[in-house]
N, C-alpha and C. Protein backbone atom coordinates (compact mmCIF):
# COMPACT_ATOMS: atom_id res chain seq x y z
N MET A 1 91.53 31.25 111.09
CA MET A 1 91.22 32.66 111.25
C MET A 1 90.36 32.82 112.50
N ASN A 2 90.89 33.53 113.48
CA ASN A 2 90.25 33.64 114.78
C ASN A 2 90.20 35.10 115.22
N TYR A 3 89.01 35.56 115.62
CA TYR A 3 88.86 36.96 116.02
C TYR A 3 87.86 37.08 117.17
N PHE A 4 88.07 38.13 117.96
CA PHE A 4 87.07 38.57 118.92
C PHE A 4 86.35 39.75 118.27
N ILE A 5 85.03 39.65 118.14
CA ILE A 5 84.24 40.67 117.45
C ILE A 5 83.57 41.57 118.49
N THR A 6 83.95 42.82 118.50
CA THR A 6 83.33 43.79 119.41
C THR A 6 82.68 44.89 118.58
N GLY A 7 82.07 45.86 119.27
CA GLY A 7 81.44 46.96 118.56
C GLY A 7 81.69 48.27 119.26
N THR A 8 81.42 49.34 118.56
CA THR A 8 81.57 50.67 119.15
C THR A 8 80.44 50.95 120.14
N ASP A 9 79.40 50.13 120.11
CA ASP A 9 78.24 50.31 120.98
C ASP A 9 77.39 49.06 120.84
N THR A 10 76.31 48.99 121.60
CA THR A 10 75.34 47.93 121.37
C THR A 10 74.46 48.31 120.18
N GLY A 11 73.90 47.32 119.52
CA GLY A 11 73.01 47.60 118.39
C GLY A 11 73.69 48.05 117.13
N VAL A 12 74.99 47.74 116.97
CA VAL A 12 75.70 48.16 115.75
C VAL A 12 75.71 47.08 114.68
N GLY A 13 75.19 45.89 115.02
CA GLY A 13 75.14 44.81 114.03
C GLY A 13 76.23 43.77 114.19
N LYS A 14 76.73 43.58 115.40
CA LYS A 14 77.80 42.61 115.60
C LYS A 14 77.39 41.20 115.15
N THR A 15 76.20 40.79 115.55
CA THR A 15 75.76 39.43 115.21
C THR A 15 75.56 39.27 113.71
N TYR A 16 74.94 40.24 113.10
CA TYR A 16 74.72 40.23 111.65
C TYR A 16 76.05 40.09 110.91
N VAL A 17 77.02 40.90 111.31
CA VAL A 17 78.34 40.87 110.67
C VAL A 17 79.05 39.55 110.98
N THR A 18 78.99 39.10 112.23
CA THR A 18 79.65 37.85 112.60
C THR A 18 79.08 36.67 111.82
N ALA A 19 77.76 36.65 111.64
CA ALA A 19 77.14 35.57 110.87
C ALA A 19 77.59 35.62 109.41
N LEU A 20 77.65 36.81 108.83
CA LEU A 20 78.13 36.94 107.45
C LEU A 20 79.57 36.43 107.32
N LEU A 21 80.42 36.83 108.25
CA LEU A 21 81.81 36.43 108.20
C LEU A 21 81.95 34.92 108.42
N THR A 22 81.14 34.38 109.30
CA THR A 22 81.17 32.93 109.55
C THR A 22 80.83 32.16 108.29
N ARG A 23 79.77 32.55 107.63
CA ARG A 23 79.36 31.86 106.40
C ARG A 23 80.44 31.96 105.33
N ALA A 24 81.05 33.15 105.23
CA ALA A 24 82.08 33.35 104.22
C ALA A 24 83.30 32.47 104.49
N LEU A 25 83.72 32.39 105.74
CA LEU A 25 84.87 31.56 106.09
C LEU A 25 84.58 30.09 105.87
N ARG A 26 83.38 29.65 106.20
CA ARG A 26 83.02 28.25 105.98
C ARG A 26 82.94 27.94 104.49
N SER A 27 82.44 28.88 103.71
CA SER A 27 82.39 28.68 102.26
C SER A 27 83.79 28.60 101.66
N ALA A 28 84.74 29.25 102.32
CA ALA A 28 86.13 29.22 101.86
C ALA A 28 86.87 27.97 102.33
N GLY A 29 86.18 27.10 103.06
CA GLY A 29 86.76 25.83 103.44
C GLY A 29 87.24 25.72 104.88
N LEU A 30 87.04 26.75 105.69
CA LEU A 30 87.46 26.68 107.09
C LEU A 30 86.37 26.02 107.94
N ASP A 31 86.77 25.57 109.12
CA ASP A 31 85.82 24.91 110.03
C ASP A 31 85.24 25.90 111.04
N THR A 32 85.05 27.13 110.60
CA THR A 32 84.67 28.23 111.48
C THR A 32 83.34 27.98 112.21
N VAL A 33 83.35 28.27 113.51
CA VAL A 33 82.11 28.38 114.27
C VAL A 33 82.12 29.72 114.98
N ALA A 34 80.94 30.28 115.15
CA ALA A 34 80.79 31.56 115.84
C ALA A 34 80.20 31.32 117.22
N LEU A 35 80.75 31.99 118.20
CA LEU A 35 80.36 31.79 119.59
C LEU A 35 79.84 33.09 120.19
N LYS A 36 78.88 32.97 121.06
CA LYS A 36 78.31 34.12 121.78
C LYS A 36 78.32 33.74 123.26
N PRO A 37 79.43 33.99 123.97
CA PRO A 37 79.55 33.52 125.35
C PRO A 37 78.43 33.96 126.26
N ILE A 38 77.97 35.21 126.09
CA ILE A 38 76.94 35.77 126.97
C ILE A 38 75.86 36.45 126.14
N SER A 39 74.60 36.12 126.44
CA SER A 39 73.47 36.81 125.84
C SER A 39 72.62 37.41 126.95
N CYS A 40 72.13 38.61 126.73
CA CYS A 40 71.25 39.27 127.70
C CYS A 40 69.99 39.74 126.98
N GLY A 41 68.85 39.31 127.45
CA GLY A 41 67.58 39.73 126.87
C GLY A 41 66.86 38.62 126.15
N ASP A 42 67.51 37.99 125.20
CA ASP A 42 66.97 36.83 124.51
C ASP A 42 68.14 36.11 123.85
N ARG A 43 67.85 35.07 123.13
CA ARG A 43 68.93 34.30 122.50
C ARG A 43 68.88 34.40 120.97
N GLU A 44 68.24 35.43 120.46
CA GLU A 44 68.14 35.56 119.01
C GLU A 44 69.51 35.65 118.35
N ASP A 45 70.43 36.37 118.99
CA ASP A 45 71.78 36.48 118.42
C ASP A 45 72.45 35.11 118.35
N ALA A 46 72.37 34.35 119.43
CA ALA A 46 72.99 33.02 119.45
C ALA A 46 72.33 32.10 118.42
N GLU A 47 71.02 32.23 118.26
CA GLU A 47 70.32 31.42 117.28
C GLU A 47 70.74 31.78 115.86
N SER A 48 70.99 33.07 115.61
CA SER A 48 71.48 33.50 114.30
C SER A 48 72.85 32.90 114.00
N LEU A 49 73.70 32.86 115.02
CA LEU A 49 75.03 32.28 114.83
C LEU A 49 74.93 30.77 114.63
N ARG A 50 74.02 30.14 115.33
CA ARG A 50 73.82 28.70 115.13
C ARG A 50 73.35 28.43 113.70
N ASN A 51 72.46 29.25 113.19
CA ASN A 51 72.01 29.10 111.80
C ASN A 51 73.17 29.28 110.83
N ALA A 52 74.09 30.19 111.16
CA ALA A 52 75.23 30.45 110.27
C ALA A 52 76.15 29.25 110.14
N ILE A 53 76.13 28.36 111.12
CA ILE A 53 76.96 27.15 111.04
C ILE A 53 76.11 25.91 110.76
N GLY A 54 74.90 26.15 110.27
CA GLY A 54 74.05 25.04 109.88
C GLY A 54 73.62 24.15 111.03
N GLY A 55 73.53 24.72 112.23
CA GLY A 55 73.11 23.94 113.37
C GLY A 55 74.13 22.91 113.83
N GLU A 56 75.38 23.12 113.47
CA GLU A 56 76.43 22.13 113.76
C GLU A 56 76.68 21.94 115.26
N LEU A 57 76.45 23.00 116.05
CA LEU A 57 76.61 22.91 117.50
C LEU A 57 75.28 23.22 118.17
N PRO A 58 75.02 22.62 119.34
CA PRO A 58 73.81 22.98 120.08
C PRO A 58 73.90 24.41 120.59
N LEU A 59 72.74 24.99 120.85
CA LEU A 59 72.69 26.39 121.26
C LEU A 59 73.49 26.64 122.53
N ASP A 60 73.42 25.72 123.48
CA ASP A 60 74.13 25.91 124.75
C ASP A 60 75.65 25.85 124.57
N ALA A 61 76.12 25.20 123.52
CA ALA A 61 77.56 25.18 123.25
C ALA A 61 78.02 26.51 122.67
N ILE A 62 77.15 27.13 121.90
CA ILE A 62 77.46 28.44 121.31
C ILE A 62 77.31 29.55 122.34
N ASN A 63 76.29 29.42 123.17
CA ASN A 63 75.93 30.47 124.12
C ASN A 63 75.70 29.86 125.51
N PRO A 64 76.78 29.70 126.29
CA PRO A 64 76.65 29.02 127.59
C PRO A 64 75.97 29.85 128.67
N LEU A 65 75.98 31.18 128.55
CA LEU A 65 75.39 32.04 129.57
C LEU A 65 74.31 32.92 128.96
N TRP A 66 73.10 32.77 129.50
CA TRP A 66 71.96 33.54 128.99
C TRP A 66 71.20 34.12 130.17
N PHE A 67 70.95 35.43 130.09
CA PHE A 67 70.22 36.14 131.14
C PHE A 67 69.00 36.82 130.53
N ASP A 68 67.94 36.88 131.31
CA ASP A 68 66.67 37.37 130.78
C ASP A 68 66.64 38.88 130.59
N ALA A 69 67.31 39.63 131.46
CA ALA A 69 67.23 41.09 131.41
C ALA A 69 68.06 41.66 130.26
N PRO A 70 67.50 42.58 129.46
CA PRO A 70 68.27 43.23 128.40
C PRO A 70 69.12 44.36 128.99
N ALA A 71 70.21 43.98 129.62
CA ALA A 71 71.07 44.94 130.32
C ALA A 71 72.51 44.46 130.24
N ALA A 72 73.43 45.26 130.79
CA ALA A 72 74.82 44.82 130.88
C ALA A 72 74.87 43.49 131.65
N PRO A 73 75.77 42.60 131.28
CA PRO A 73 75.81 41.29 131.96
C PRO A 73 75.92 41.39 133.47
N LEU A 74 76.69 42.35 133.98
CA LEU A 74 76.82 42.51 135.42
C LEU A 74 75.45 42.74 136.07
N VAL A 75 74.65 43.59 135.45
CA VAL A 75 73.32 43.91 135.98
C VAL A 75 72.37 42.73 135.77
N ALA A 76 72.40 42.14 134.59
CA ALA A 76 71.49 41.03 134.29
C ALA A 76 71.74 39.85 135.22
N ALA A 77 73.00 39.56 135.50
CA ALA A 77 73.33 38.45 136.40
C ALA A 77 72.87 38.76 137.82
N ARG A 78 73.07 39.99 138.26
CA ARG A 78 72.61 40.38 139.60
C ARG A 78 71.11 40.22 139.74
N GLU A 79 70.37 40.55 138.71
CA GLU A 79 68.92 40.44 138.75
C GLU A 79 68.47 39.01 139.01
N GLU A 80 69.26 38.04 138.56
CA GLU A 80 68.90 36.64 138.72
C GLU A 80 69.67 35.97 139.86
N GLY A 81 70.45 36.75 140.60
CA GLY A 81 71.20 36.18 141.69
C GLY A 81 72.27 35.21 141.24
N ARG A 82 72.81 35.45 140.07
CA ARG A 82 73.84 34.56 139.51
C ARG A 82 75.16 35.31 139.37
N THR A 83 76.22 34.55 139.18
CA THR A 83 77.53 35.15 138.96
C THR A 83 78.13 34.61 137.68
N ILE A 84 78.98 35.42 137.08
CA ILE A 84 79.71 35.02 135.87
C ILE A 84 81.15 34.75 136.29
N GLU A 85 81.59 33.52 136.09
CA GLU A 85 82.92 33.11 136.52
C GLU A 85 83.88 33.06 135.34
N ARG A 86 84.97 33.79 135.47
CA ARG A 86 85.99 33.82 134.42
C ARG A 86 86.50 32.41 134.11
N ALA A 87 86.76 31.62 135.16
CA ALA A 87 87.33 30.29 134.97
C ALA A 87 86.40 29.39 134.16
N ASN A 88 85.10 29.50 134.41
CA ASN A 88 84.14 28.68 133.66
C ASN A 88 84.13 29.05 132.19
N LEU A 89 84.18 30.33 131.89
CA LEU A 89 84.23 30.77 130.50
C LEU A 89 85.51 30.31 129.82
N ARG A 90 86.61 30.39 130.55
CA ARG A 90 87.89 29.95 129.99
C ARG A 90 87.86 28.45 129.67
N ASP A 91 87.29 27.64 130.58
CA ASP A 91 87.24 26.19 130.35
C ASP A 91 86.34 25.87 129.16
N TRP A 92 85.20 26.55 129.07
CA TRP A 92 84.29 26.35 127.93
C TRP A 92 84.99 26.67 126.62
N TYR A 93 85.68 27.80 126.59
CA TYR A 93 86.34 28.23 125.36
C TYR A 93 87.51 27.29 125.01
N THR A 94 88.29 26.90 125.99
CA THR A 94 89.45 26.04 125.74
C THR A 94 89.02 24.72 125.11
N ALA A 95 87.92 24.17 125.59
CA ALA A 95 87.43 22.90 125.03
C ALA A 95 87.07 23.05 123.56
N LEU A 96 86.42 24.15 123.20
CA LEU A 96 86.07 24.37 121.80
C LEU A 96 87.29 24.70 120.96
N ARG A 97 88.21 25.46 121.55
CA ARG A 97 89.41 25.87 120.80
C ARG A 97 90.26 24.68 120.39
N GLN A 98 90.25 23.64 121.20
CA GLN A 98 91.05 22.45 120.91
C GLN A 98 90.50 21.65 119.74
N SER A 99 89.23 21.88 119.42
CA SER A 99 88.60 21.09 118.36
C SER A 99 88.39 21.88 117.07
N ARG A 100 88.79 23.16 117.05
CA ARG A 100 88.55 24.01 115.88
C ARG A 100 89.78 24.81 115.51
N LYS A 101 89.97 25.01 114.23
CA LYS A 101 91.06 25.87 113.78
C LYS A 101 90.60 27.32 113.62
N SER A 102 89.29 27.53 113.51
CA SER A 102 88.78 28.87 113.24
C SER A 102 87.57 29.16 114.13
N LEU A 103 87.71 30.18 114.97
CA LEU A 103 86.64 30.57 115.88
C LEU A 103 86.43 32.08 115.83
N LEU A 104 85.18 32.48 115.82
CA LEU A 104 84.82 33.88 115.98
C LEU A 104 84.05 34.00 117.28
N VAL A 105 84.50 34.88 118.16
CA VAL A 105 83.85 35.06 119.45
C VAL A 105 83.21 36.45 119.46
N GLU A 106 81.89 36.49 119.56
CA GLU A 106 81.20 37.77 119.59
C GLU A 106 81.05 38.26 121.03
N GLY A 107 81.48 39.48 121.27
CA GLY A 107 81.34 40.07 122.59
C GLY A 107 79.90 40.47 122.87
N VAL A 108 79.72 41.12 124.00
CA VAL A 108 78.38 41.55 124.40
C VAL A 108 78.40 43.06 124.59
N GLY A 109 77.46 43.76 123.95
CA GLY A 109 77.45 45.22 124.04
C GLY A 109 78.68 45.83 123.40
N GLY A 110 79.15 46.93 123.97
CA GLY A 110 80.36 47.59 123.47
C GLY A 110 81.60 47.06 124.15
N TRP A 111 82.74 47.61 123.79
CA TRP A 111 84.04 47.11 124.21
C TRP A 111 84.23 47.09 125.72
N LEU A 112 83.76 48.10 126.42
CA LEU A 112 84.02 48.22 127.86
C LEU A 112 82.79 47.95 128.73
N VAL A 113 81.82 47.23 128.20
CA VAL A 113 80.63 46.92 128.99
C VAL A 113 81.03 46.13 130.25
N PRO A 114 80.46 46.43 131.42
CA PRO A 114 80.77 45.66 132.62
C PRO A 114 80.16 44.26 132.55
N VAL A 115 81.00 43.26 132.70
CA VAL A 115 80.55 41.87 132.53
C VAL A 115 80.24 41.21 133.86
N ALA A 116 81.14 41.36 134.82
CA ALA A 116 80.95 40.74 136.14
C ALA A 116 81.74 41.54 137.15
N GLU A 117 81.65 41.15 138.42
CA GLU A 117 82.43 41.82 139.45
C GLU A 117 83.93 41.70 139.11
N GLY A 118 84.59 42.85 138.93
CA GLY A 118 86.01 42.84 138.62
C GLY A 118 86.34 42.37 137.22
N LEU A 119 85.32 42.27 136.36
CA LEU A 119 85.55 41.79 135.00
C LEU A 119 84.88 42.74 134.02
N GLY A 120 85.67 43.65 133.48
CA GLY A 120 85.17 44.56 132.46
C GLY A 120 85.24 43.93 131.09
N GLY A 121 84.80 44.70 130.09
CA GLY A 121 84.78 44.17 128.74
C GLY A 121 86.13 43.75 128.22
N ALA A 122 87.17 44.53 128.52
CA ALA A 122 88.51 44.19 128.04
C ALA A 122 89.03 42.94 128.73
N GLU A 123 88.76 42.81 130.03
CA GLU A 123 89.19 41.62 130.76
C GLU A 123 88.44 40.39 130.26
N PHE A 124 87.19 40.60 129.90
CA PHE A 124 86.40 39.53 129.30
C PHE A 124 87.04 39.08 127.98
N ALA A 125 87.40 40.03 127.13
CA ALA A 125 88.04 39.69 125.86
C ALA A 125 89.36 38.98 126.05
N ALA A 126 90.06 39.31 127.13
CA ALA A 126 91.37 38.69 127.39
C ALA A 126 91.27 37.19 127.65
N ILE A 127 90.10 36.72 128.07
CA ILE A 127 89.90 35.28 128.27
C ILE A 127 90.19 34.53 126.97
N PHE A 128 89.88 35.15 125.85
CA PHE A 128 89.95 34.48 124.56
C PHE A 128 91.27 34.76 123.83
N ASP A 129 91.95 35.85 124.20
CA ASP A 129 93.28 36.16 123.68
C ASP A 129 93.31 36.13 122.15
N LEU A 130 92.44 36.90 121.54
CA LEU A 130 92.33 36.94 120.09
C LEU A 130 92.50 38.36 119.57
N PRO A 131 92.93 38.52 118.31
CA PRO A 131 92.90 39.84 117.70
C PRO A 131 91.47 40.36 117.67
N VAL A 132 91.32 41.67 117.76
CA VAL A 132 90.00 42.28 117.89
C VAL A 132 89.58 42.93 116.57
N VAL A 133 88.36 42.63 116.16
CA VAL A 133 87.73 43.31 115.03
C VAL A 133 86.58 44.15 115.57
N ILE A 134 86.50 45.39 115.14
CA ILE A 134 85.49 46.32 115.65
C ILE A 134 84.42 46.55 114.58
N VAL A 135 83.17 46.30 114.95
CA VAL A 135 82.05 46.60 114.06
C VAL A 135 81.57 48.02 114.33
N VAL A 136 81.45 48.78 113.26
CA VAL A 136 81.09 50.20 113.35
C VAL A 136 79.79 50.42 112.58
N ALA A 137 78.77 50.90 113.25
CA ALA A 137 77.53 51.28 112.56
C ALA A 137 77.73 52.66 111.94
N ASN A 138 77.48 52.78 110.65
CA ASN A 138 77.67 54.05 109.97
C ASN A 138 76.55 55.02 110.32
N ARG A 139 76.84 55.87 111.31
CA ARG A 139 75.87 56.87 111.73
C ARG A 139 76.61 58.03 112.39
N LEU A 140 75.90 59.09 112.62
CA LEU A 140 76.50 60.26 113.25
C LEU A 140 77.10 59.87 114.60
N GLY A 141 78.36 60.27 114.83
CA GLY A 141 79.03 59.97 116.08
C GLY A 141 79.96 58.78 116.02
N CYS A 142 79.91 58.01 114.92
CA CYS A 142 80.70 56.78 114.88
C CYS A 142 82.21 57.05 114.78
N ILE A 143 82.61 58.19 114.28
CA ILE A 143 84.04 58.48 114.20
C ILE A 143 84.64 58.55 115.60
N ASN A 144 84.02 59.33 116.46
CA ASN A 144 84.50 59.44 117.83
C ASN A 144 84.47 58.10 118.54
N HIS A 145 83.36 57.37 118.44
CA HIS A 145 83.23 56.09 119.10
C HIS A 145 84.28 55.09 118.60
N THR A 146 84.54 55.12 117.31
CA THR A 146 85.50 54.18 116.73
C THR A 146 86.92 54.50 117.18
N LEU A 147 87.31 55.77 117.13
CA LEU A 147 88.66 56.13 117.53
C LEU A 147 88.90 55.85 119.02
N LEU A 148 87.89 56.11 119.85
CA LEU A 148 88.03 55.80 121.27
C LEU A 148 88.16 54.30 121.51
N THR A 149 87.39 53.51 120.76
CA THR A 149 87.46 52.06 120.91
C THR A 149 88.82 51.53 120.46
N ILE A 150 89.31 52.01 119.34
CA ILE A 150 90.64 51.60 118.87
C ILE A 150 91.69 51.92 119.93
N GLU A 151 91.64 53.13 120.45
CA GLU A 151 92.62 53.54 121.46
C GLU A 151 92.56 52.63 122.69
N SER A 152 91.36 52.32 123.13
CA SER A 152 91.22 51.47 124.31
C SER A 152 91.70 50.05 124.03
N VAL A 153 91.36 49.51 122.88
CA VAL A 153 91.81 48.16 122.50
C VAL A 153 93.34 48.09 122.53
N ARG A 154 93.97 49.06 121.91
CA ARG A 154 95.44 49.03 121.83
C ARG A 154 96.09 49.32 123.18
N THR A 155 95.54 50.25 123.93
CA THR A 155 96.11 50.58 125.23
C THR A 155 96.12 49.37 126.15
N ARG A 156 95.14 48.49 125.99
CA ARG A 156 95.05 47.31 126.83
C ARG A 156 95.83 46.13 126.28
N GLY A 157 96.62 46.37 125.24
CA GLY A 157 97.55 45.36 124.76
C GLY A 157 97.02 44.40 123.72
N PHE A 158 95.84 44.68 123.17
CA PHE A 158 95.27 43.82 122.14
C PHE A 158 95.70 44.29 120.76
N THR A 159 95.70 43.38 119.81
CA THR A 159 95.88 43.72 118.41
C THR A 159 94.54 44.10 117.82
N CYS A 160 94.46 45.28 117.23
CA CYS A 160 93.23 45.71 116.56
C CYS A 160 93.36 45.33 115.09
N ALA A 161 92.71 44.24 114.71
CA ALA A 161 92.94 43.65 113.39
C ALA A 161 92.20 44.36 112.27
N GLY A 162 91.13 45.07 112.59
CA GLY A 162 90.43 45.75 111.52
C GLY A 162 89.07 46.28 111.95
N LEU A 163 88.49 47.05 111.05
CA LEU A 163 87.15 47.60 111.23
C LEU A 163 86.23 46.99 110.18
N ILE A 164 84.99 46.75 110.56
CA ILE A 164 83.94 46.38 109.60
C ILE A 164 82.85 47.42 109.74
N ILE A 165 82.63 48.17 108.67
CA ILE A 165 81.64 49.25 108.70
C ILE A 165 80.31 48.70 108.21
N ASN A 166 79.32 48.81 109.06
CA ASN A 166 77.99 48.29 108.76
C ASN A 166 77.08 49.46 108.39
N HIS A 167 76.70 49.51 107.13
CA HIS A 167 75.78 50.55 106.65
C HIS A 167 74.35 50.11 106.99
N LEU A 168 73.75 50.75 107.98
CA LEU A 168 72.43 50.35 108.45
C LEU A 168 71.34 50.65 107.43
N HIS A 169 71.57 51.65 106.61
CA HIS A 169 70.65 52.02 105.54
C HIS A 169 71.45 52.81 104.51
N PRO A 170 70.93 53.00 103.31
CA PRO A 170 71.67 53.79 102.32
C PRO A 170 72.03 55.17 102.89
N PRO A 171 73.27 55.62 102.67
CA PRO A 171 73.70 56.91 103.24
C PRO A 171 72.77 58.04 102.84
N GLU A 172 72.36 58.82 103.85
CA GLU A 172 71.44 59.93 103.61
C GLU A 172 72.04 61.27 103.98
N THR A 173 72.88 61.29 105.01
CA THR A 173 73.42 62.55 105.51
C THR A 173 74.88 62.69 105.09
N ILE A 174 75.42 63.89 105.24
CA ILE A 174 76.82 64.10 104.91
C ILE A 174 77.72 63.24 105.79
N SER A 175 77.33 63.04 107.04
CA SER A 175 78.10 62.19 107.93
C SER A 175 78.14 60.75 107.40
N GLU A 176 76.99 60.22 107.05
CA GLU A 176 76.93 58.83 106.57
C GLU A 176 77.66 58.64 105.25
N ARG A 177 77.72 59.70 104.46
CA ARG A 177 78.41 59.59 103.17
C ARG A 177 79.93 59.69 103.30
N THR A 178 80.42 60.23 104.40
CA THR A 178 81.86 60.48 104.52
C THR A 178 82.54 59.69 105.63
N ASN A 179 81.78 59.03 106.50
CA ASN A 179 82.39 58.36 107.66
C ASN A 179 83.44 57.32 107.27
N ALA A 180 83.14 56.48 106.30
CA ALA A 180 84.07 55.41 105.94
C ALA A 180 85.39 55.98 105.43
N ALA A 181 85.32 56.96 104.55
CA ALA A 181 86.54 57.57 104.02
C ALA A 181 87.33 58.27 105.12
N LEU A 182 86.63 58.92 106.04
CA LEU A 182 87.31 59.63 107.11
C LEU A 182 88.01 58.67 108.06
N LEU A 183 87.39 57.54 108.33
CA LEU A 183 88.05 56.55 109.19
C LEU A 183 89.32 56.02 108.53
N ARG A 184 89.27 55.82 107.24
CA ARG A 184 90.48 55.38 106.53
C ARG A 184 91.59 56.43 106.62
N GLU A 185 91.18 57.67 106.67
CA GLU A 185 92.14 58.78 106.75
C GLU A 185 92.72 58.95 108.15
N LEU A 186 91.91 58.69 109.17
CA LEU A 186 92.29 59.03 110.54
C LEU A 186 92.98 57.91 111.31
N THR A 187 92.89 56.68 110.83
CA THR A 187 93.50 55.58 111.57
C THR A 187 94.19 54.61 110.62
N ASP A 188 95.21 53.93 111.14
CA ASP A 188 95.90 52.93 110.34
C ASP A 188 95.27 51.54 110.47
N VAL A 189 94.20 51.44 111.25
CA VAL A 189 93.48 50.17 111.35
C VAL A 189 92.71 49.97 110.04
N PRO A 190 92.91 48.86 109.35
CA PRO A 190 92.28 48.70 108.04
C PRO A 190 90.78 48.50 108.12
N VAL A 191 90.08 49.02 107.15
CA VAL A 191 88.66 48.71 106.98
C VAL A 191 88.60 47.42 106.19
N LEU A 192 88.19 46.35 106.84
CA LEU A 192 88.18 45.03 106.20
C LEU A 192 87.02 44.88 105.22
N PHE A 193 85.85 45.37 105.62
CA PHE A 193 84.66 45.27 104.78
C PHE A 193 83.75 46.46 105.07
N GLU A 194 82.97 46.80 104.06
CA GLU A 194 81.82 47.68 104.25
C GLU A 194 80.59 46.86 103.90
N ILE A 195 79.74 46.65 104.89
CA ILE A 195 78.55 45.83 104.70
C ILE A 195 77.39 46.72 104.28
N GLN A 196 76.79 46.39 103.16
CA GLN A 196 75.69 47.20 102.64
C GLN A 196 74.36 46.74 103.24
N PRO A 197 73.35 47.62 103.26
CA PRO A 197 72.06 47.25 103.83
C PRO A 197 71.48 45.99 103.18
N GLY A 198 71.11 45.03 104.00
CA GLY A 198 70.51 43.80 103.49
C GLY A 198 71.47 42.82 102.86
N GLN A 199 72.75 43.08 102.94
CA GLN A 199 73.73 42.19 102.32
C GLN A 199 73.66 40.80 102.93
N ARG A 200 73.68 39.77 102.08
CA ARG A 200 73.51 38.39 102.56
C ARG A 200 74.75 37.53 102.41
N THR A 201 75.69 37.98 101.60
CA THR A 201 76.93 37.21 101.41
C THR A 201 78.13 38.14 101.52
N LEU A 202 79.28 37.52 101.73
CA LEU A 202 80.52 38.28 101.87
C LEU A 202 81.57 37.58 101.04
N ASN A 203 82.19 38.31 100.11
CA ASN A 203 83.24 37.73 99.28
C ASN A 203 84.54 37.74 100.07
N LEU A 204 85.13 36.58 100.23
CA LEU A 204 86.31 36.46 101.07
C LEU A 204 87.27 35.45 100.48
N ALA A 205 88.51 35.87 100.29
CA ALA A 205 89.54 34.95 99.80
C ALA A 205 90.43 34.58 100.98
N VAL A 206 90.58 33.30 101.24
CA VAL A 206 91.39 32.81 102.33
C VAL A 206 92.59 32.07 101.77
N ALA A 207 93.80 32.52 102.15
CA ALA A 207 95.00 31.87 101.63
C ALA A 207 95.17 30.50 102.25
């Protein structure tokens, strides 16, 4: 089971969801590892993913590119006078792909975040050539953000494998109470999971 995990925006819980899914797949008997090709700001996300696989890989294997500035990778790399090379990312990923049957690759920011010169978010995702799962934070505005992301994913030739709705807190507003049902009504992309606040495990059956 292999997916590229993106989000409708930054701060929607991609790492939290990816770690949950990683643990569930490993509990089901897969050799899943979660990867974070690029981190900007700190490495807490990569460390969370490393914890999800029990420290099986070193941090630099999970997260080969780390920039200090909490900004889009294009900006963060410029701040440090560095460049992000597509070929290097491809070689890193290919080496891991050959040794694993199940990989989850977490993107950075939202779907179309600028990654490098001439390398947008979709082109970045194309390096990995995986079906895309979109993490949606349940909040006002997520319907529009989700539908736009689905449209962009499909327009660029990717398979949109599903949505994971992350409930950041118990629903309080009419929007938060109805978003999940409305997304099921408005798109044929399946809602794979709804993650509840503080949820620590994910029930998953793998054939």
